[in-house]
Each structure stands twice: as structure tokens, then as C-alpha cells.
């Protein structure tokens, strides 16, 4: 596999990583229609675990089938496909070598009563990821939750094992629980803190939500105002989140968020591109659409990240 100059530059940021981990990062960065650009679009399908099958797939019944998501990601020319153990395993043989995969190692579900102590159960292993030919493992942390320290320790152990076997590590860093308000979960200071913590915990790829201009933490708010950190526009906020991820030296992709209209999704992507973000990791806003509509949307996203739309 011949690497582009941009991908070589990105790999140079990951000092101290094993050659195998860098090779799997390269595998994802060179895959699909955005291969070699340093930009990424990833399809994550863990919503069945999170919200239940009917809430996730009834709007587009073919999506009950795990093969549907593999094929959608492949046909759209995406960089990777991420899912929990059962979904990855259900298509691992049929689609072996067709697209890099990310095994999501922990999951939550909407039946849980947890709020202040928001947490996830470990539902997959590094051994599973290797057996299924994955390029990376994924793990969710909830900065702010009363359970966050235990999550960090789980991540430390799993990331150490994954990297020792040459896998890359993707961290979903979603502030939640504790005393964080619902508005605060998307506050720019809190999202920036979450991105930074993911980087500190050794994430090779960071996944966060797009931030609002709200400032949640009173002590952080003083600094943002005193230093006049630009956060008025979404591109400015994306740029700041990238700055929080080791000054842009960690690949950071942004969640597609709740279901919304096509125009809103494309405007978000343009803001991510303009702010220097690495791309989108977009699930329900794709697979809950009819296949042809999803492919059209993903094509437009790819063109935006190529700088052509």
C-alpha cells in the first residue's frame, strides 16, 4: 500500500505507537474515496444496542440485516465501518478485506436507569477484534459521569492490549452524567475537555459531538471570555476542538448526532471541513434513510471533504 504524503504526515504525529497500530491507522486513512486525503467518513451502527431494534431500524427495514450496513459503507466508499461484536461477526466472512472495521468494545442501552453514573458494559474483546480481522477497537467514555474513573481504567487496559497486538484505538468521548446539564453535554468547553481527555488516554482517533457555543463550567467560562477564544461560529468551534486534541495532532471525527434534515447534515460537514476537522462518523442519519438516499447523502459528504462541494 503506497501512502500519500498527507497520510505519512499524520502517521508522524503518532510517536511511540507500534508499527502495527500505525499500519492499521494507514489502512483506514487510505481506504475508500477519501483515501489519502487525511479526511474520513465512518459508518457506526451501534444504535440497535443503544436504542433498540425497532427504534433504530423500523424506519428502514432492510437495516435489520447486518450485511446491509457493510454493503452501504462499501458502496459509499467510506473509510471504515464500526459496530458491536454481533454486527461485525455477522458479516466478517462475507466482507473480509472489503472495508476496515472497528469493533466497538463497550455498549449501553436505553433500558438502564443510570443517569449520574452513566456507564457502559464491556461487550467485546481485543481477541474478538483480531479474530474478525478488525483494524481498530472502539470504546466509549463518559467524562463527567460518576463512573468515569472506572471507564478510564478499563480503557487503559483494553487500549494497552489492543496496541500491543497492532490495533488502533478509537475513543467515543461523550460528556454525560454527574452534574453536567443536558445543554452542557454539547457545550464547547466540555466537548473540548472531552476531546483532550481522549487524547490523554491514548486515543488514535477521537469521536466527539459537534459543540454549541454554550459554556458550561464557570471556571472555564472565565478563561474563554478573558482570552477571547473564538467560538461564535461552528467552524471556529471545530477549530478549537481540534486544538484541544493536541493542537490537531490527533485524528478527530464528529458525530452526526440526532436525526435531522439533509441540508443540516451537509452544513455541519462544511463547518467541520472549514474548521480543520478530519471528518464525520455518521450512523442513523444514513442507515435510517432509504438506501439510495443514504448513498446520495454520503456521496455529498465525501465531496465536501474533498473540498469540491
C-alpha atoms as a PDB file:
ATOM      1  CA  UNK A   1       0.000   0.000   0.000  1.00  0.00           C
ATOM      2  CA  UNK A   2       1.536   3.277  -1.129  1.00  0.00           C
ATOM      3  CA  UNK A   3       0.820   6.083   1.317  1.00  0.00           C
ATOM      4  CA  UNK A   4       0.047   9.662   0.360  1.00  0.00           C
ATOM      5  CA  UNK A   5       2.201  12.491   1.680  1.00  0.00           C
ATOM      6  CA  UNK A   6      -0.700  13.660   3.864  1.00  0.00           C
ATOM      7  CA  UNK A   7      -1.151  10.241   5.472  1.00  0.00           C
ATOM      8  CA  UNK A   8       2.590   9.974   6.147  1.00  0.00           C
ATOM      9  CA  UNK A   9       2.432  13.382   7.827  1.00  0.00           C
ATOM     10  CA  UNK A  10      -0.468  12.232  10.040  1.00  0.00           C
ATOM     11  CA  UNK A  11       1.293   8.995  10.994  1.00  0.00           C
ATOM     12  CA  UNK A  12       4.315  11.043  12.102  1.00  0.00           C
ATOM     13  CA  UNK A  13       2.110  12.591  14.796  1.00  0.00           C
ATOM     14  CA  UNK A  14       1.733   9.210  16.487  1.00  0.00           C
ATOM     15  CA  UNK A  15       5.142   8.931  18.098  1.00  0.00           C
ATOM     16  CA  UNK A  16       5.543   5.949  20.392  1.00  0.00           C
ATOM     17  CA  UNK A  17       2.948   3.790  18.634  1.00  0.00           C
ATOM     18  CA  UNK A  18       3.792   0.298  17.391  1.00  0.00           C
ATOM     19  CA  UNK A  19       4.247  -0.205  13.632  1.00  0.00           C
ATOM     20  CA  UNK A  20       1.148  -2.412  13.550  1.00  0.00           C
ATOM     21  CA  UNK A  21      -1.032   0.320  15.035  1.00  0.00           C
ATOM     22  CA  UNK A  22       0.290   2.836  12.526  1.00  0.00           C
ATOM     23  CA  UNK A  23      -0.306   0.332   9.732  1.00  0.00           C
ATOM     24  CA  UNK A  24      -3.942  -0.033  10.759  1.00  0.00           C
ATOM     25  CA  UNK A  25      -4.349   3.735  11.002  1.00  0.00           C
ATOM     26  CA  UNK A  26      -2.932   3.936   7.480  1.00  0.00           C
ATOM     27  CA  UNK A  27      -5.299   1.170   6.397  1.00  0.00           C
ATOM     28  CA  UNK A  28      -8.279   3.305   7.409  1.00  0.00           C
ATOM     29  CA  UNK A  29      -6.842   6.592   6.143  1.00  0.00           C
ATOM     30  CA  UNK A  30      -6.095   5.092   2.722  1.00  0.00           C
ATOM     31  CA  UNK A  31      -9.452   3.318   2.338  1.00  0.00           C
ATOM     32  CA  UNK A  32     -12.425   4.434   0.267  1.00  0.00           C
ATOM     33  CA  UNK A  33     -12.987   7.532  -1.799  1.00  0.00           C
ATOM     34  CA  UNK A  34     -11.278   9.796   0.742  1.00  0.00           C
ATOM     35  CA  UNK A  35      -8.215   7.568   0.861  1.00  0.00           C
ATOM     36  CA  UNK A  36      -5.009   9.570   1.134  1.00  0.00           C
ATOM     37  CA  UNK A  37      -6.666  12.915   1.932  1.00  0.00           C
ATOM     38  CA  UNK A  38      -6.443  12.736   5.722  1.00  0.00           C
ATOM     39  CA  UNK A  39     -10.216  13.081   5.874  1.00  0.00           C
ATOM     40  CA  UNK A  40     -12.565  10.309   6.958  1.00  0.00           C
ATOM     41  CA  UNK A  41     -16.211   9.299   6.852  1.00  0.00           C
ATOM     42  CA  UNK A  42     -17.061   6.308   9.054  1.00  0.00           C
ATOM     43  CA  UNK A  43     -20.380   4.455   9.385  1.00  0.00           C
ATOM     44  CA  UNK A  44     -21.117   3.483  13.022  1.00  0.00           C
ATOM     45  CA  UNK A  45     -24.037   1.146  13.725  1.00  0.00           C
ATOM     46  CA  UNK A  46     -24.390   0.646  17.471  1.00  0.00           C
ATOM     47  CA  UNK A  47     -27.829   2.221  17.752  1.00  0.00           C
ATOM     48  CA  UNK A  48     -29.572  -1.157  17.990  1.00  0.00           C
ATOM     49  CA  UNK A  49     -27.751  -1.728  21.265  1.00  0.00           C
ATOM     50  CA  UNK A  50     -28.253   1.842  22.418  1.00  0.00           C
ATOM     51  CA  UNK A  51     -31.900   2.409  21.478  1.00  0.00           C
ATOM     52  CA  UNK A  52     -33.367  -0.962  20.497  1.00  0.00           C
ATOM     53  CA  UNK A  53     -34.003  -2.551  17.084  1.00  0.00           C
ATOM     54  CA  UNK A  54     -37.392  -1.044  16.261  1.00  0.00           C
ATOM     55  CA  UNK A  55     -36.345   2.498  17.168  1.00  0.00           C
ATOM     56  CA  UNK A  56     -33.222   2.073  15.077  1.00  0.00           C
ATOM     57  CA  UNK A  57     -34.304   0.079  12.020  1.00  0.00           C
ATOM     58  CA  UNK A  58     -38.095   0.024  11.586  1.00  0.00           C
ATOM     59  CA  UNK A  59     -37.970   3.256   9.581  1.00  0.00           C
ATOM     60  CA  UNK A  60     -35.818   1.402   7.001  1.00  0.00           C
ATOM     61  CA  UNK A  61     -36.460  -2.357   7.473  1.00  0.00           C
ATOM     62  CA  UNK A  62     -33.539  -3.628   5.309  1.00  0.00           C
ATOM     63  CA  UNK A  63     -31.276  -2.191   8.026  1.00  0.00           C
ATOM     64  CA  UNK A  64     -32.245  -5.002  10.410  1.00  0.00           C
ATOM     65  CA  UNK A  65     -29.772  -7.102   8.371  1.00  0.00           C
ATOM     66  CA  UNK A  66     -26.091  -6.653   9.402  1.00  0.00           C
ATOM     67  CA  UNK A  67     -24.996  -7.213   5.788  1.00  0.00           C
ATOM     68  CA  UNK A  68     -26.955  -4.090   4.794  1.00  0.00           C
ATOM     69  CA  UNK A  69     -24.588  -1.839   6.752  1.00  0.00           C
ATOM     70  CA  UNK A  70     -21.425  -3.449   5.451  1.00  0.00           C
ATOM     71  CA  UNK A  71     -22.650  -3.065   1.891  1.00  0.00           C
ATOM     72  CA  UNK A  72     -23.766   0.529   2.447  1.00  0.00           C
ATOM     73  CA  UNK A  73     -20.341   1.526   3.792  1.00  0.00           C
ATOM     74  CA  UNK A  74     -18.552  -0.293   0.965  1.00  0.00           C
ATOM     75  CA  UNK A  75     -20.751   1.071  -1.828  1.00  0.00           C
ATOM     76  CA  UNK A  76     -20.432   4.609  -0.432  1.00  0.00           C
ATOM     77  CA  UNK A  77     -16.624   4.312  -0.426  1.00  0.00           C
ATOM     78  CA  UNK A  78     -16.227   5.013   3.290  1.00  0.00           C
ATOM     79  CA  UNK A  79     -13.044   4.695   5.350  1.00  0.00           C
ATOM     80  CA  UNK A  80     -14.399   2.245   7.927  1.00  0.00           C
ATOM     81  CA  UNK A  81     -17.435   0.548   9.447  1.00  0.00           C
ATOM     82  CA  UNK A  82     -17.872   0.395  13.240  1.00  0.00           C
ATOM     83  CA  UNK A  83     -20.254  -1.842  15.197  1.00  0.00           C
ATOM     84  CA  UNK A  84     -20.580  -4.104  18.266  1.00  0.00           C
ATOM     85  CA  UNK A  85     -19.467  -7.727  18.267  1.00  0.00           C
ATOM     86  CA  UNK A  86     -22.568  -9.398  16.846  1.00  0.00           C
ATOM     87  CA  UNK A  87     -22.928  -6.989  13.928  1.00  0.00           C
ATOM     88  CA  UNK A  88     -19.263  -7.244  12.911  1.00  0.00           C
ATOM     89  CA  UNK A  89     -19.228 -11.032  13.260  1.00  0.00           C
ATOM     90  CA  UNK A  90     -22.396 -11.406  11.180  1.00  0.00           C
ATOM     91  CA  UNK A  91     -20.621 -10.152   8.056  1.00  0.00           C
ATOM     92  CA  UNK A  92     -16.957 -10.752   8.800  1.00  0.00           C
ATOM     93  CA  UNK A  93     -16.563 -13.665   6.364  1.00  0.00           C
ATOM     94  CA  UNK A  94     -18.662 -12.258   3.520  1.00  0.00           C
ATOM     95  CA  UNK A  95     -16.961  -8.853   3.569  1.00  0.00           C
ATOM     96  CA  UNK A  96     -13.457  -9.828   4.722  1.00  0.00           C
ATOM     97  CA  UNK A  97     -10.936  -7.362   3.309  1.00  0.00           C
ATOM     98  CA  UNK A  98     -13.611  -5.180   1.698  1.00  0.00           C
ATOM     99  CA  UNK A  99     -13.548  -2.351   4.254  1.00  0.00           C
ATOM    100  CA  UNK A 100     -11.638  -1.674   7.502  1.00  0.00           C
ATOM    101  CA  UNK A 101     -13.758  -2.471  10.554  1.00  0.00           C
ATOM    102  CA  UNK A 102     -13.806  -1.111  14.103  1.00  0.00           C
ATOM    103  CA  UNK A 103     -15.089  -3.405  16.854  1.00  0.00           C
ATOM    104  CA  UNK A 104     -16.973  -1.399  19.486  1.00  0.00           C
ATOM    105  CA  UNK A 105     -15.899  -2.971  22.781  1.00  0.00           C
ATOM    106  CA  UNK A 106     -18.476  -1.464  25.130  1.00  0.00           C
ATOM    107  CA  UNK A 107     -22.146  -0.576  24.888  1.00  0.00           C
ATOM    108  CA  UNK A 108     -25.034   0.906  26.861  1.00  0.00           C
ATOM    109  CA  UNK A 109     -28.775   0.556  26.377  1.00  0.00           C
ATOM    110  CA  UNK A 110     -31.831   2.718  26.926  1.00  0.00           C
ATOM    111  CA  UNK A 111     -33.325   0.285  29.467  1.00  0.00           C
ATOM    112  CA  UNK A 112     -30.736   1.330  32.043  1.00  0.00           C
ATOM    113  CA  UNK A 113     -31.726   3.641  34.910  1.00  0.00           C
ATOM    114  CA  UNK A 114     -28.249   5.150  35.113  1.00  0.00           C
ATOM    115  CA  UNK A 115     -28.041   8.925  34.911  1.00  0.00           C
ATOM    116  CA  UNK A 116     -25.453  10.455  37.212  1.00  0.00           C
ATOM    117  CA  UNK A 117     -23.435   7.204  36.981  1.00  0.00           C
ATOM    118  CA  UNK A 118     -23.745   6.785  33.194  1.00  0.00           C
ATOM    119  CA  UNK A 119     -21.710   3.770  32.154  1.00  0.00           C
ATOM    120  CA  UNK A 120     -21.319   1.058  29.521  1.00  0.00           C
ATOM    121  CA  UNK A 121     -20.685  -2.671  29.749  1.00  0.00           C
ATOM    122  CA  UNK A 122     -17.677  -4.247  28.041  1.00  0.00           C
ATOM    123  CA  UNK A 123     -19.270  -6.487  25.385  1.00  0.00           C
ATOM    124  CA  UNK A 124     -16.328  -7.405  23.148  1.00  0.00           C
ATOM    125  CA  UNK A 125     -12.627  -8.173  23.429  1.00  0.00           C
ATOM    126  CA  UNK A 126      -9.338  -7.495  21.682  1.00  0.00           C
ATOM    127  CA  UNK A 127      -9.270 -11.222  20.900  1.00  0.00           C
ATOM    128  CA  UNK A 128     -12.613 -10.808  19.084  1.00  0.00           C
ATOM    129  CA  UNK A 129     -11.244  -7.883  17.078  1.00  0.00           C
ATOM    130  CA  UNK A 130      -8.204  -9.877  15.971  1.00  0.00           C
ATOM    131  CA  UNK A 131     -10.286 -12.947  15.132  1.00  0.00           C
ATOM    132  CA  UNK A 132     -12.605 -10.843  12.975  1.00  0.00           C
ATOM    133  CA  UNK A 133      -9.814  -9.002  11.136  1.00  0.00           C
ATOM    134  CA  UNK A 134     -10.598  -5.554  12.527  1.00  0.00           C
ATOM    135  CA  UNK A 135      -8.314  -2.556  12.054  1.00  0.00           C
ATOM    136  CA  UNK A 136      -9.266  -0.969  15.375  1.00  0.00           C
ATOM    137  CA  UNK A 137     -11.272  -1.227  18.542  1.00  0.00           C
ATOM    138  CA  UNK A 138     -13.667   1.428  19.796  1.00  0.00           C
ATOM    139  CA  UNK A 139     -14.539   2.392  23.355  1.00  0.00           C
ATOM    140  CA  UNK A 140     -16.940   4.964  24.853  1.00  0.00           C
ATOM    141  CA  UNK A 141     -16.082   7.081  27.871  1.00  0.00           C
ATOM    142  CA  UNK A 142     -18.460   9.469  29.656  1.00  0.00           C
ATOM    143  CA  UNK A 143     -16.378  12.355  31.048  1.00  0.00           C
ATOM    144  CA  UNK A 144     -18.337  13.858  33.935  1.00  0.00           C
ATOM    145  CA  UNK A 145     -20.091  10.638  34.930  1.00  0.00           C
ATOM    146  CA  UNK A 146     -19.656   9.345  38.459  1.00  0.00           C
ATOM    147  CA  UNK A 147     -18.381   6.159  36.758  1.00  0.00           C
ATOM    148  CA  UNK A 148     -15.766   7.852  34.588  1.00  0.00           C
ATOM    149  CA  UNK A 149     -12.663   6.818  36.527  1.00  0.00           C
ATOM    150  CA  UNK A 150     -13.533   3.135  36.219  1.00  0.00           C
ATOM    151  CA  UNK A 151     -14.124   3.683  32.493  1.00  0.00           C
ATOM    152  CA  UNK A 152     -10.703   5.288  32.105  1.00  0.00           C
ATOM    153  CA  UNK A 153      -9.085   2.298  33.804  1.00  0.00           C
ATOM    154  CA  UNK A 154     -10.993  -0.125  31.542  1.00  0.00           C
ATOM    155  CA  UNK A 155      -9.866   1.859  28.520  1.00  0.00           C
ATOM    156  CA  UNK A 156      -6.263   1.914  29.703  1.00  0.00           C
ATOM    157  CA  UNK A 157      -6.173  -1.884  29.941  1.00  0.00           C
ATOM    158  CA  UNK A 158      -8.001  -2.562  26.667  1.00  0.00           C
ATOM    159  CA  UNK A 159      -6.014   0.059  24.730  1.00  0.00           C
ATOM    160  CA  UNK A 160      -2.737  -1.361  26.014  1.00  0.00           C
ATOM    161  CA  UNK A 161      -3.754  -4.849  24.902  1.00  0.00           C
ATOM    162  CA  UNK A 162      -5.073  -3.631  21.526  1.00  0.00           C
ATOM    163  CA  UNK A 163      -1.963  -1.633  20.685  1.00  0.00           C
ATOM    164  CA  UNK A 164       0.314  -4.474  21.761  1.00  0.00           C
ATOM    165  CA  UNK A 165      -1.453  -6.539  19.088  1.00  0.00           C
ATOM    166  CA  UNK A 166      -1.144  -3.796  16.443  1.00  0.00           C
ATOM    167  CA  UNK A 167      -4.716  -2.485  16.537  1.00  0.00           C
ATOM    168  CA  UNK A 168      -5.666   1.196  16.546  1.00  0.00           C
ATOM    169  CA  UNK A 169      -7.900   2.665  19.270  1.00  0.00           C
ATOM    170  CA  UNK A 170     -10.933   4.866  18.633  1.00  0.00           C
ATOM    171  CA  UNK A 171     -12.456   6.659  21.630  1.00  0.00           C
ATOM    172  CA  UNK A 172     -16.042   7.905  21.693  1.00  0.00           C
ATOM    173  CA  UNK A 173     -15.761  10.732  24.258  1.00  0.00           C
ATOM    174  CA  UNK A 174     -19.267  11.789  25.273  1.00  0.00           C
ATOM    175  CA  UNK A 175     -19.650  14.058  28.337  1.00  0.00           C
ATOM    176  CA  UNK A 176     -22.596  12.820  30.370  1.00  0.00           C
ATOM    177  CA  UNK A 177     -23.763  12.152  33.913  1.00  0.00           C
ATOM    178  CA  UNK A 178     -22.608  13.685  37.174  1.00  0.00           C
ATOM    179  CA  UNK A 179     -23.676  17.321  37.368  1.00  0.00           C
ATOM    180  CA  UNK A 180     -23.413  18.041  33.623  1.00  0.00           C
ATOM    181  CA  UNK A 181     -26.653  19.532  32.329  1.00  0.00           C
ATOM    182  CA  UNK A 182     -28.273  18.379  29.111  1.00  0.00           C
ATOM    183  CA  UNK A 183     -27.192  21.656  27.485  1.00  0.00           C
ATOM    184  CA  UNK A 184     -23.729  21.171  28.933  1.00  0.00           C
ATOM    185  CA  UNK A 185     -23.253  17.841  27.145  1.00  0.00           C
ATOM    186  CA  UNK A 186     -22.724  19.862  23.948  1.00  0.00           C
ATOM    187  CA  UNK A 187     -21.021  22.922  25.461  1.00  0.00           C
ATOM    188  CA  UNK A 188     -17.827  23.879  23.642  1.00  0.00           C
ATOM    189  CA  UNK A 189     -15.734  23.914  26.815  1.00  0.00           C
ATOM    190  CA  UNK A 190     -16.990  20.463  27.832  1.00  0.00           C
ATOM    191  CA  UNK A 191     -16.545  18.944  24.350  1.00  0.00           C
ATOM    192  CA  UNK A 192     -13.044  20.408  24.183  1.00  0.00           C
ATOM    193  CA  UNK A 193     -12.250  18.891  27.586  1.00  0.00           C
ATOM    194  CA  UNK A 194     -13.642  15.545  26.426  1.00  0.00           C
ATOM    195  CA  UNK A 195     -11.511  15.567  23.268  1.00  0.00           C
ATOM    196  CA  UNK A 196      -8.415  16.410  25.294  1.00  0.00           C
ATOM    197  CA  UNK A 197      -9.066  13.621  27.791  1.00  0.00           C
ATOM    198  CA  UNK A 198      -9.469  11.111  24.957  1.00  0.00           C
ATOM    199  CA  UNK A 199      -6.101  12.221  23.576  1.00  0.00           C
ATOM    200  CA  UNK A 200      -4.514  11.940  27.023  1.00  0.00           C
ATOM    201  CA  UNK A 201      -5.908   8.419  27.376  1.00  0.00           C
ATOM    202  CA  UNK A 202      -4.131   7.349  24.190  1.00  0.00           C
ATOM    203  CA  UNK A 203      -6.842   7.568  21.551  1.00  0.00           C
ATOM    204  CA  UNK A 204      -5.582   7.273  17.987  1.00  0.00           C
ATOM    205  CA  UNK A 205      -8.915   8.553  16.664  1.00  0.00           C
ATOM    206  CA  UNK A 206     -11.243  10.719  18.747  1.00  0.00           C
ATOM    207  CA  UNK A 207     -15.002  10.860  18.239  1.00  0.00           C
ATOM    208  CA  UNK A 208     -16.932  13.768  19.769  1.00  0.00           C
ATOM    209  CA  UNK A 209     -20.197  15.559  19.145  1.00  0.00           C
ATOM    210  CA  UNK A 210     -20.367  18.935  17.438  1.00  0.00           C
ATOM    211  CA  UNK A 211     -20.218  21.655  20.095  1.00  0.00           C
ATOM    212  CA  UNK A 212     -22.575  24.554  20.684  1.00  0.00           C
ATOM    213  CA  UNK A 213     -21.407  28.000  21.816  1.00  0.00           C
ATOM    214  CA  UNK A 214     -22.687  27.341  25.340  1.00  0.00           C
ATOM    215  CA  UNK A 215     -20.109  27.445  28.145  1.00  0.00           C
ATOM    216  CA  UNK A 216     -20.958  25.078  30.990  1.00  0.00           C
ATOM    217  CA  UNK A 217     -18.128  25.290  33.504  1.00  0.00           C
ATOM    218  CA  UNK A 218     -17.938  28.632  35.303  1.00  0.00           C
ATOM    219  CA  UNK A 219     -14.167  28.474  35.737  1.00  0.00           C
ATOM    220  CA  UNK A 220     -13.607  27.577  32.096  1.00  0.00           C
ATOM    221  CA  UNK A 221     -16.038  30.320  31.052  1.00  0.00           C
ATOM    222  CA  UNK A 222     -13.789  32.935  32.671  1.00  0.00           C
ATOM    223  CA  UNK A 223     -10.835  31.757  30.585  1.00  0.00           C
ATOM    224  CA  UNK A 224     -12.799  31.654  27.325  1.00  0.00           C
ATOM    225  CA  UNK A 225     -14.008  35.196  27.918  1.00  0.00           C
ATOM    226  CA  UNK A 226     -10.703  36.587  29.207  1.00  0.00           C
ATOM    227  CA  UNK A 227      -8.661  35.063  26.361  1.00  0.00           C
ATOM    228  CA  UNK A 228     -11.377  35.828  23.804  1.00  0.00           C
ATOM    229  CA  UNK A 229     -11.298  32.296  22.400  1.00  0.00           C
ATOM    230  CA  UNK A 230     -13.328  32.418  19.151  1.00  0.00           C
ATOM    231  CA  UNK A 231     -16.393  30.165  19.471  1.00  0.00           C
ATOM    232  CA  UNK A 232     -19.176  32.169  17.833  1.00  0.00           C
ATOM    233  CA  UNK A 233     -19.402  30.073  14.658  1.00  0.00           C
ATOM    234  CA  UNK A 234     -19.373  26.309  14.180  1.00  0.00           C
ATOM    235  CA  UNK A 235     -16.124  26.341  12.116  1.00  0.00           C
ATOM    236  CA  UNK A 236     -14.471  28.296  14.960  1.00  0.00           C
ATOM    237  CA  UNK A 237     -15.691  25.754  17.496  1.00  0.00           C
ATOM    238  CA  UNK A 238     -14.478  22.836  15.370  1.00  0.00           C
ATOM    239  CA  UNK A 239     -11.079  24.523  15.081  1.00  0.00           C
ATOM    240  CA  UNK A 240     -10.965  24.873  18.860  1.00  0.00           C
ATOM    241  CA  UNK A 241     -11.862  21.202  19.417  1.00  0.00           C
ATOM    242  CA  UNK A 242      -9.046  20.223  17.053  1.00  0.00           C
ATOM    243  CA  UNK A 243      -6.732  22.470  19.093  1.00  0.00           C
ATOM    244  CA  UNK A 244      -7.807  20.607  22.240  1.00  0.00           C
ATOM    245  CA  UNK A 245      -6.814  17.313  20.550  1.00  0.00           C
ATOM    246  CA  UNK A 246      -3.078  18.020  20.856  1.00  0.00           C
ATOM    247  CA  UNK A 247      -3.240  21.037  18.533  1.00  0.00           C
ATOM    248  CA  UNK A 248      -4.655  18.973  15.681  1.00  0.00           C
ATOM    249  CA  UNK A 249      -2.184  16.105  16.081  1.00  0.00           C
ATOM    250  CA  UNK A 250      -4.929  13.564  16.762  1.00  0.00           C
ATOM    251  CA  UNK A 251      -7.454  12.464  14.154  1.00  0.00           C
ATOM    252  CA  UNK A 252     -10.827  13.805  15.305  1.00  0.00           C
ATOM    253  CA  UNK A 253     -14.165  12.978  13.721  1.00  0.00           C
ATOM    254  CA  UNK A 254     -17.512  14.427  14.650  1.00  0.00           C
ATOM    255  CA  UNK A 255     -20.760  12.607  15.317  1.00  0.00           C
ATOM    256  CA  UNK A 256     -23.739  13.066  13.031  1.00  0.00           C
ATOM    257  CA  UNK A 257     -25.960  13.450  16.095  1.00  0.00           C
ATOM    258  CA  UNK A 258     -29.742  13.097  16.233  1.00  0.00           C
ATOM    259  CA  UNK A 259     -31.804  12.503  13.111  1.00  0.00           C
ATOM    260  CA  UNK A 260     -32.067  15.691  11.043  1.00  0.00           C
ATOM    261  CA  UNK A 261     -32.541  17.011   7.534  1.00  0.00           C
ATOM    262  CA  UNK A 262     -30.051  16.619   4.696  1.00  0.00           C
ATOM    263  CA  UNK A 263     -29.279  20.339   4.461  1.00  0.00           C
ATOM    264  CA  UNK A 264     -28.355  20.471   8.145  1.00  0.00           C
ATOM    265  CA  UNK A 265     -26.051  17.441   7.811  1.00  0.00           C
ATOM    266  CA  UNK A 266     -24.268  18.952   4.832  1.00  0.00           C
ATOM    267  CA  UNK A 267     -23.873  22.327   6.553  1.00  0.00           C
ATOM    268  CA  UNK A 268     -22.344  20.575   9.550  1.00  0.00           C
ATOM    269  CA  UNK A 269     -19.869  18.806   7.240  1.00  0.00           C
ATOM    270  CA  UNK A 270     -18.899  22.085   5.585  1.00  0.00           C
ATOM    271  CA  UNK A 271     -18.250  23.570   9.030  1.00  0.00           C
ATOM    272  CA  UNK A 272     -16.153  20.546  10.037  1.00  0.00           C
ATOM    273  CA  UNK A 273     -14.146  20.868   6.816  1.00  0.00           C
ATOM    274  CA  UNK A 274     -13.710  24.615   7.252  1.00  0.00           C
ATOM    275  CA  UNK A 275     -12.624  24.173  10.885  1.00  0.00           C
ATOM    276  CA  UNK A 276      -9.979  21.608  10.006  1.00  0.00           C
ATOM    277  CA  UNK A 277     -11.785  18.559  11.412  1.00  0.00           C
ATOM    278  CA  UNK A 278     -10.901  15.174   9.986  1.00  0.00           C
ATOM    279  CA  UNK A 279     -14.444  14.195   9.095  1.00  0.00           C
ATOM    280  CA  UNK A 280     -17.727  12.648  10.141  1.00  0.00           C
ATOM    281  CA  UNK A 281     -18.793   9.453  11.857  1.00  0.00           C
ATOM    282  CA  UNK A 282     -22.422   9.303  10.869  1.00  0.00           C
ATOM    283  CA  UNK A 283     -24.850   6.483  11.616  1.00  0.00           C
ATOM    284  CA  UNK A 284     -28.595   6.910  11.995  1.00  0.00           C
ATOM    285  CA  UNK A 285     -28.667   9.869   9.602  1.00  0.00           C
ATOM    286  CA  UNK A 286     -27.552   7.391   6.927  1.00  0.00           C
ATOM    287  CA  UNK A 287     -28.996   3.963   7.644  1.00  0.00           C
ATOM    288  CA  UNK A 288     -32.414   5.305   8.641  1.00  0.00           C
ATOM    289  CA  UNK A 289     -32.781   6.708   5.130  1.00  0.00           C
ATOM    290  CA  UNK A 290     -33.684   4.561   2.116  1.00  0.00           C
ATOM    291  CA  UNK A 291     -30.502   3.099   0.623  1.00  0.00           C
ATOM    292  CA  UNK A 292     -30.395   5.342  -2.466  1.00  0.00           C
ATOM    293  CA  UNK A 293     -30.982   8.447  -0.356  1.00  0.00           C
ATOM    294  CA  UNK A 294     -28.237   7.365   2.042  1.00  0.00           C
ATOM    295  CA  UNK A 295     -25.787   6.787  -0.813  1.00  0.00           C
ATOM    296  CA  UNK A 296     -26.602  10.202  -2.258  1.00  0.00           C
ATOM    297  CA  UNK A 297     -26.043  11.864   1.120  1.00  0.00           C
ATOM    298  CA  UNK A 298     -22.762  10.043   1.690  1.00  0.00           C
ATOM    299  CA  UNK A 299     -21.597  10.974  -1.794  1.00  0.00           C
ATOM    300  CA  UNK A 300     -22.217  14.635  -0.992  1.00  0.00           C
ATOM    301  CA  UNK A 301     -20.344  14.307   2.313  1.00  0.00           C
ATOM    302  CA  UNK A 302     -17.353  12.779   0.565  1.00  0.00           C
ATOM    303  CA  UNK A 303     -17.344  15.596  -1.999  1.00  0.00           C
ATOM    304  CA  UNK A 304     -17.424  18.180   0.804  1.00  0.00           C
ATOM    305  CA  UNK A 305     -14.414  16.582   2.497  1.00  0.00           C
ATOM    306  CA  UNK A 306     -12.614  16.516  -0.835  1.00  0.00           C
ATOM    307  CA  UNK A 307     -13.190  20.273  -0.942  1.00  0.00           C
ATOM    308  CA  UNK A 308     -15.419  20.014  -4.003  1.00  0.00           C
ATOM    309  CA  UNK A 309     -18.836  20.921  -2.601  1.00  0.00           C
END
